[in-house]
């Protein structure tokens, strides 16, 4: 059985990338805030794990903000 429809990749549509990335940054910030609240009530290794995860989240936010700038510049 042959497929009469050719499978073409979708064109690269970057118009909404900035908006999506900004939403991801906001979600990540909210996750950091929730984790800070949780960390107030625990200690030891679990608290250290939360702090380490938040550090990675902060690094991810920085990377996403750089990507937002790149995407915004690409729209020109």
PDB file of N, CA and C in Angstrom:
ATOM      1  N   UNK A   1       0.850  -1.179   0.000  1.00  0.00           N
ATOM      2  CA  UNK A   1       0.000   0.000   0.000  1.00  0.00           C
ATOM      3  C   UNK A   1       0.888   1.231   0.000  1.00  0.00           C
ATOM      4  N   UNK A   2       0.686   2.100  -0.959  1.00  0.00           N
ATOM      5  CA  UNK A   2       1.491   3.316  -1.035  1.00  0.00           C
ATOM      6  C   UNK A   2       0.682   4.500  -0.562  1.00  0.00           C
ATOM      7  N   UNK A   3       1.382   5.453  -0.022  1.00  0.00           N
ATOM      8  CA  UNK A   3       0.758   6.670   0.497  1.00  0.00           C
ATOM      9  C   UNK A   3       0.864   7.753  -0.563  1.00  0.00           C
ATOM     10  N   UNK A   4      -0.247   8.268  -1.006  1.00  0.00           N
ATOM     11  CA  UNK A   4      -0.249   9.306  -2.036  1.00  0.00           C
ATOM     12  C   UNK A   4       0.091  10.681  -1.484  1.00  0.00           C
ATOM     13  N   UNK A   5       0.111  10.805  -0.181  1.00  0.00           N
ATOM     14  CA  UNK A   5       0.414  12.090   0.441  1.00  0.00           C
ATOM     15  C   UNK A   5       1.898  12.143   0.763  1.00  0.00           C
ATOM     16  N   UNK A   6       2.552  13.164   0.264  1.00  0.00           N
ATOM     17  CA  UNK A   6       3.967  13.291   0.609  1.00  0.00           C
ATOM     18  C   UNK A   6       4.067  13.909   1.994  1.00  0.00           C
ATOM     19  N   UNK A   7       5.017  13.441   2.755  1.00  0.00           N
ATOM     20  CA  UNK A   7       5.202  13.934   4.115  1.00  0.00           C
ATOM     21  C   UNK A   7       6.265  15.015   4.110  1.00  0.00           C
ATOM     22  N   UNK A   8       5.837  16.241   4.130  1.00  0.00           N
ATOM     23  CA  UNK A   8       6.758  17.366   4.146  1.00  0.00           C
ATOM     24  C   UNK A   8       6.814  17.920   5.567  1.00  0.00           C
ATOM     25  N   UNK A   9       7.986  18.285   6.009  1.00  0.00           N
ATOM     26  CA  UNK A   9       8.054  18.905   7.335  1.00  0.00           C
ATOM     27  C   UNK A   9       7.359  20.259   7.308  1.00  0.00           C
ATOM     28  N   UNK A  10       6.814  20.607   8.439  1.00  0.00           N
ATOM     29  CA  UNK A  10       6.175  21.917   8.543  1.00  0.00           C
ATOM     30  C   UNK A  10       7.242  22.995   8.426  1.00  0.00           C
ATOM     31  N   UNK A  11       6.901  24.103   7.807  1.00  0.00           N
ATOM     32  CA  UNK A  11       7.888  25.181   7.725  1.00  0.00           C
ATOM     33  C   UNK A  11       8.213  25.713   9.122  1.00  0.00           C
ATOM     34  N   UNK A  12       9.406  26.231   9.277  1.00  0.00           N
ATOM     35  CA  UNK A  12       9.847  26.759  10.564  1.00  0.00           C
ATOM     36  C   UNK A  12       9.110  28.058  10.847  1.00  0.00           C
ATOM     37  N   UNK A  13       8.137  27.999  11.733  1.00  0.00           N
ATOM     38  CA  UNK A  13       7.337  29.173  12.090  1.00  0.00           C
ATOM     39  C   UNK A  13       7.775  29.639  13.467  1.00  0.00           C
ATOM     40  N   UNK A  14       8.541  30.697  13.507  1.00  0.00           N
ATOM     41  CA  UNK A  14       9.121  31.170  14.754  1.00  0.00           C
ATOM     42  C   UNK A  14       8.303  32.295  15.379  1.00  0.00           C
ATOM     43  N   UNK A  15       7.189  32.640  14.790  1.00  0.00           N
ATOM     44  CA  UNK A  15       6.445  33.812  15.256  1.00  0.00           C
ATOM     45  C   UNK A  15       6.008  33.717  16.706  1.00  0.00           C
ATOM     46  N   UNK A  16       5.685  32.533  17.180  1.00  0.00           N
ATOM     47  CA  UNK A  16       5.192  32.426  18.553  1.00  0.00           C
ATOM     48  C   UNK A  16       6.245  31.885  19.528  1.00  0.00           C
ATOM     49  N   UNK A  17       7.479  31.723  19.080  1.00  0.00           N
ATOM     50  CA  UNK A  17       8.515  31.184  19.959  1.00  0.00           C
ATOM     51  C   UNK A  17       8.773  32.078  21.168  1.00  0.00           C
ATOM     52  N   UNK A  18       8.801  33.392  20.948  1.00  0.00           N
ATOM     53  CA  UNK A  18       9.051  34.311  22.059  1.00  0.00           C
ATOM     54  C   UNK A  18       7.963  34.169  23.107  1.00  0.00           C
ATOM     55  N   UNK A  19       6.726  34.126  22.657  1.00  0.00           N
ATOM     56  CA  UNK A  19       5.595  33.992  23.587  1.00  0.00           C
ATOM     57  C   UNK A  19       5.672  32.669  24.357  1.00  0.00           C
ATOM     58  N   UNK A  20       5.987  31.589  23.661  1.00  0.00           N
ATOM     59  CA  UNK A  20       6.090  30.279  24.316  1.00  0.00           C
ATOM     60  C   UNK A  20       7.223  30.272  25.344  1.00  0.00           C
ATOM     61  N   UNK A  21       8.356  30.843  24.969  1.00  0.00           N
ATOM     62  CA  UNK A  21       9.491  30.889  25.889  1.00  0.00           C
ATOM     63  C   UNK A  21       9.172  31.737  27.113  1.00  0.00           C
ATOM     64  N   UNK A  22       8.496  32.864  26.911  1.00  0.00           N
ATOM     65  CA  UNK A  22       8.122  33.714  28.047  1.00  0.00           C
ATOM     66  C   UNK A  22       7.190  32.964  28.989  1.00  0.00           C
ATOM     67  N   UNK A  23       6.293  32.187  28.436  1.00  0.00           N
ATOM     68  CA  UNK A  23       5.392  31.386  29.255  1.00  0.00           C
ATOM     69  C   UNK A  23       6.174  30.340  30.041  1.00  0.00           C
ATOM     70  N   UNK A  24       7.164  29.728  29.397  1.00  0.00           N
ATOM     71  CA  UNK A  24       7.994  28.738  30.075  1.00  0.00           C
ATOM     72  C   UNK A  24       8.777  29.371  31.223  1.00  0.00           C
ATOM     73  N   UNK A  25       9.267  30.599  31.010  1.00  0.00           N
ATOM     74  CA  UNK A  25       9.996  31.305  32.069  1.00  0.00           C
ATOM     75  C   UNK A  25       9.059  31.541  33.252  1.00  0.00           C
ATOM     76  N   UNK A  26       7.845  32.006  32.979  1.00  0.00           N
ATOM     77  CA  UNK A  26       6.887  32.264  34.057  1.00  0.00           C
ATOM     78  C   UNK A  26       6.548  30.988  34.819  1.00  0.00           C
ATOM     79  N   UNK A  27       6.346  29.893  34.093  1.00  0.00           N
ATOM     80  CA  UNK A  27       6.046  28.612  34.746  1.00  0.00           C
ATOM     81  C   UNK A  27       7.207  28.169  35.636  1.00  0.00           C
ATOM     82  N   UNK A  28       8.413  28.350  35.147  1.00  0.00           N
ATOM     83  CA  UNK A  28       9.591  27.947  35.910  1.00  0.00           C
ATOM     84  C   UNK A  28       9.746  28.802  37.159  1.00  0.00           C
ATOM     85  N   UNK A  29       9.485  30.095  37.046  1.00  0.00           N
ATOM     86  CA  UNK A  29       9.541  30.981  38.212  1.00  0.00           C
ATOM     87  C   UNK A  29       8.513  30.528  39.252  1.00  0.00           C
ATOM     88  N   UNK A  30       7.328  30.172  38.807  1.00  0.00           N
ATOM     89  CA  UNK A  30       6.299  29.690  39.736  1.00  0.00           C
ATOM     90  C   UNK A  30       6.744  28.397  40.421  1.00  0.00           C
ATOM     91  N   UNK A  31       7.395  27.527  39.667  1.00  0.00           N
ATOM     92  CA  UNK A  31       7.892  26.282  40.266  1.00  0.00           C
ATOM     93  C   UNK A  31       8.958  26.563  41.315  1.00  0.00           C
ATOM     94  N   UNK A  32       9.818  27.535  41.054  1.00  0.00           N
ATOM     95  CA  UNK A  32      10.841  27.920  42.039  1.00  0.00           C
ATOM     96  C   UNK A  32      10.170  28.426  43.314  1.00  0.00           C
ATOM     97  N   UNK A  33       9.166  29.288  43.145  1.00  0.00           N
ATOM     98  CA  UNK A  33       8.470  29.843  44.310  1.00  0.00           C
ATOM     99  C   UNK A  33       7.779  28.741  45.117  1.00  0.00           C
ATOM    100  N   UNK A  34       7.132  27.804  44.448  1.00  0.00           N
ATOM    101  CA  UNK A  34       6.472  26.695  45.145  1.00  0.00           C
ATOM    102  C   UNK A  34       7.497  25.846  45.888  1.00  0.00           C
ATOM    103  N   UNK A  35       8.634  25.616  45.251  1.00  0.00           N
ATOM    104  CA  UNK A  35       9.678  24.815  45.885  1.00  0.00           C
ATOM    105  C   UNK A  35      10.244  25.522  47.109  1.00  0.00           C
ATOM    106  N   UNK A  36      10.391  26.844  47.032  1.00  0.00           N
ATOM    107  CA  UNK A  36      10.851  27.606  48.204  1.00  0.00           C
ATOM    108  C   UNK A  36       9.874  27.445  49.365  1.00  0.00           C
ATOM    109  N   UNK A  37       8.590  27.493  49.071  1.00  0.00           N
ATOM    110  CA  UNK A  37       7.580  27.311  50.115  1.00  0.00           C
ATOM    111  C   UNK A  37       7.689  25.922  50.735  1.00  0.00           C
ATOM    112  N   UNK A  38       7.850  24.920  49.891  1.00  0.00           N
ATOM    113  CA  UNK A  38       7.977  23.548  50.386  1.00  0.00           C
ATOM    114  C   UNK A  38       9.237  23.397  51.234  1.00  0.00           C
ATOM    115  N   UNK A  39      10.324  23.993  50.780  1.00  0.00           N
ATOM    116  CA  UNK A  39      11.617  23.856  51.466  1.00  0.00           C
ATOM    117  C   UNK A  39      11.585  24.451  52.868  1.00  0.00           C
ATOM    118  N   UNK A  40      10.681  25.369  53.120  1.00  0.00           N
ATOM    119  CA  UNK A  40      10.570  25.971  54.453  1.00  0.00           C
ATOM    120  C   UNK A  40      10.208  24.937  55.519  1.00  0.00           C
ATOM    121  N   UNK A  41       9.554  23.878  55.104  1.00  0.00           N
ATOM    122  CA  UNK A  41       9.022  22.909  56.054  1.00  0.00           C
ATOM    123  C   UNK A  41       9.828  21.616  56.136  1.00  0.00           C
ATOM    124  N   UNK A  42      10.944  21.549  55.421  1.00  0.00           N
ATOM    125  CA  UNK A  42      11.758  20.330  55.435  1.00  0.00           C
ATOM    126  C   UNK A  42      13.219  20.696  55.657  1.00  0.00           C
ATOM    127  N   UNK A  43      14.019  19.682  55.925  1.00  0.00           N
ATOM    128  CA  UNK A  43      15.444  19.923  56.074  1.00  0.00           C
ATOM    129  C   UNK A  43      16.222  18.727  55.560  1.00  0.00           C
ATOM    130  N   UNK A  44      17.512  18.788  55.681  1.00  0.00           N
ATOM    131  CA  UNK A  44      18.361  17.666  55.294  1.00  0.00           C
ATOM    132  C   UNK A  44      18.517  17.525  53.794  1.00  0.00           C
ATOM    133  N   UNK A  45      18.665  16.269  53.386  1.00  0.00           N
ATOM    134  CA  UNK A  45      18.936  15.974  51.983  1.00  0.00           C
ATOM    135  C   UNK A  45      17.808  16.415  51.056  1.00  0.00           C
ATOM    136  N   UNK A  46      16.583  16.273  51.528  1.00  0.00           N
ATOM    137  CA  UNK A  46      15.445  16.669  50.691  1.00  0.00           C
ATOM    138  C   UNK A  46      15.493  18.179  50.398  1.00  0.00           C
ATOM    139  N   UNK A  47      15.819  18.966  51.414  1.00  0.00           N
ATOM    140  CA  UNK A  47      15.919  20.410  51.212  1.00  0.00           C
ATOM    141  C   UNK A  47      17.076  20.736  50.265  1.00  0.00           C
ATOM    142  N   UNK A  48      18.190  20.044  50.434  1.00  0.00           N
ATOM    143  CA  UNK A  48      19.326  20.261  49.543  1.00  0.00           C
ATOM    144  C   UNK A  48      18.970  19.911  48.096  1.00  0.00           C
ATOM    145  N   UNK A  49      18.186  18.862  47.918  1.00  0.00           N
ATOM    146  CA  UNK A  49      17.768  18.462  46.573  1.00  0.00           C
ATOM    147  C   UNK A  49      16.895  19.538  45.938  1.00  0.00           C
ATOM    148  N   UNK A  50      15.992  20.114  46.740  1.00  0.00           N
ATOM    149  CA  UNK A  50      15.123  21.183  46.237  1.00  0.00           C
ATOM    150  C   UNK A  50      15.964  22.396  45.860  1.00  0.00           C
ATOM    151  N   UNK A  51      16.925  22.742  46.713  1.00  0.00           N
ATOM    152  CA  UNK A  51      17.780  23.896  46.424  1.00  0.00           C
ATOM    153  C   UNK A  51      18.604  23.668  45.154  1.00  0.00           C
ATOM    154  N   UNK A  52      19.090  22.458  44.968  1.00  0.00           N
ATOM    155  CA  UNK A  52      19.865  22.139  43.765  1.00  0.00           C
ATOM    156  C   UNK A  52      18.978  22.225  42.517  1.00  0.00           C
ATOM    157  N   UNK A  53      17.759  21.737  42.648  1.00  0.00           N
ATOM    158  CA  UNK A  53      16.838  21.790  41.513  1.00  0.00           C
ATOM    159  C   UNK A  53      16.495  23.233  41.176  1.00  0.00           C
ATOM    160  N   UNK A  54      16.293  24.065  42.195  1.00  0.00           N
ATOM    161  CA  UNK A  54      16.000  25.469  41.941  1.00  0.00           C
ATOM    162  C   UNK A  54      17.178  26.165  41.268  1.00  0.00           C
ATOM    163  N   UNK A  55      18.395  25.788  41.627  1.00  0.00           N
ATOM    164  CA  UNK A  55      19.570  26.364  40.977  1.00  0.00           C
ATOM    165  C   UNK A  55      19.556  26.006  39.490  1.00  0.00           C
ATOM    166  N   UNK A  56      19.233  24.754  39.179  1.00  0.00           N
ATOM    167  CA  UNK A  56      19.147  24.348  37.773  1.00  0.00           C
ATOM    168  C   UNK A  56      18.020  25.094  37.064  1.00  0.00           C
ATOM    169  N   UNK A  57      16.925  25.311  37.767  1.00  0.00           N
ATOM    170  CA  UNK A  57      15.817  26.074  37.177  1.00  0.00           C
ATOM    171  C   UNK A  57      16.254  27.504  36.862  1.00  0.00           C
ATOM    172  N   UNK A  58      17.000  28.116  37.782  1.00  0.00           N
ATOM    173  CA  UNK A  58      17.472  29.484  37.552  1.00  0.00           C
ATOM    174  C   UNK A  58      18.409  29.538  36.345  1.00  0.00           C
ATOM    175  N   UNK A  59      19.245  28.519  36.191  1.00  0.00           N
ATOM    176  CA  UNK A  59      20.123  28.446  35.029  1.00  0.00           C
ATOM    177  C   UNK A  59      19.300  28.274  33.748  1.00  0.00           C
ATOM    178  N   UNK A  60      18.248  27.483  33.825  1.00  0.00           N
ATOM    179  CA  UNK A  60      17.375  27.280  32.669  1.00  0.00           C
ATOM    180  C   UNK A  60      16.672  28.577  32.288  1.00  0.00           C
ATOM    181  N   UNK A  61      16.257  29.338  33.292  1.00  0.00           N
ATOM    182  CA  UNK A  61      15.606  30.625  33.024  1.00  0.00           C
ATOM    183  C   UNK A  61      16.567  31.544  32.282  1.00  0.00           C
ATOM    184  N   UNK A  62      17.808  31.589  32.728  1.00  0.00           N
ATOM    185  CA  UNK A  62      18.796  32.432  32.057  1.00  0.00           C
ATOM    186  C   UNK A  62      18.954  32.003  30.599  1.00  0.00           C
ATOM    187  N   UNK A  63      19.031  30.706  30.358  1.00  0.00           N
ATOM    188  CA  UNK A  63      19.160  30.198  28.992  1.00  0.00           C
ATOM    189  C   UNK A  63      17.925  30.547  28.161  1.00  0.00           C
ATOM    190  N   UNK A  64      16.730  30.411  28.758  1.00  0.00           N
ATOM    191  CA  UNK A  64      15.501  30.741  28.036  1.00  0.00           C
ATOM    192  C   UNK A  64      15.449  32.225  27.710  1.00  0.00           C
ATOM    193  N   UNK A  65      15.898  33.061  28.621  1.00  0.00           N
ATOM    194  CA  UNK A  65      15.903  34.512  28.353  1.00  0.00           C
ATOM    195  C   UNK A  65      16.866  34.852  27.224  1.00  0.00           C
ATOM    196  N   UNK A  66      18.001  34.168  27.174  1.00  0.00           N
ATOM    197  CA  UNK A  66      18.926  34.375  26.054  1.00  0.00           C
ATOM    198  C   UNK A  66      18.284  33.927  24.744  1.00  0.00           C
ATOM    199  N   UNK A  67      17.565  32.814  24.797  1.00  0.00           N
ATOM    200  CA  UNK A  67      16.892  32.322  23.598  1.00  0.00           C
ATOM    201  C   UNK A  67      15.770  33.276  23.181  1.00  0.00           C
ATOM    202  N   UNK A  68      15.073  33.860  24.145  1.00  0.00           N
ATOM    203  CA  UNK A  68      14.035  34.851  23.833  1.00  0.00           C
ATOM    204  C   UNK A  68      14.660  36.004  23.056  1.00  0.00           C
ATOM    205  N   UNK A  69      15.794  36.482  23.533  1.00  0.00           N
ATOM    206  CA  UNK A  69      16.480  37.582  22.850  1.00  0.00           C
ATOM    207  C   UNK A  69      16.844  37.173  21.428  1.00  0.00           C
ATOM    208  N   UNK A  70      17.402  35.965  21.271  1.00  0.00           N
ATOM    209  CA  UNK A  70      17.773  35.477  19.938  1.00  0.00           C
ATOM    210  C   UNK A  70      16.558  35.371  19.024  1.00  0.00           C
ATOM    211  N   UNK A  71      15.474  34.835  19.552  1.00  0.00           N
ATOM    212  CA  UNK A  71      14.259  34.696  18.750  1.00  0.00           C
ATOM    213  C   UNK A  71      13.689  36.057  18.377  1.00  0.00           C
ATOM    214  N   UNK A  72      13.700  36.984  19.311  1.00  0.00           N
ATOM    215  CA  UNK A  72      13.188  38.307  19.048  1.00  0.00           C
ATOM    216  C   UNK A  72      14.012  38.978  17.953  1.00  0.00           C
ATOM    217  N   UNK A  73      15.341  38.842  18.059  1.00  0.00           N
ATOM    218  CA  UNK A  73      16.226  39.417  17.039  1.00  0.00           C
ATOM    219  C   UNK A  73      15.999  38.781  15.675  1.00  0.00           C
ATOM    220  N   UNK A  74      15.660  37.502  15.642  1.00  0.00           N
ATOM    221  CA  UNK A  74      15.444  36.793  14.375  1.00  0.00           C
ATOM    222  C   UNK A  74      14.160  37.239  13.681  1.00  0.00           C
ATOM    223  N   UNK A  75      13.257  37.843  14.421  1.00  0.00           N
ATOM    224  CA  UNK A  75      11.987  38.288  13.824  1.00  0.00           C
ATOM    225  C   UNK A  75      12.156  39.527  12.946  1.00  0.00           C
ATOM    226  N   UNK A  76      13.225  40.234  13.118  1.00  0.00           N
ATOM    227  CA  UNK A  76      13.445  41.467  12.334  1.00  0.00           C
ATOM    228  C   UNK A  76      13.748  41.184  10.896  1.00  0.00           C
TER     229      UNK A  76
END
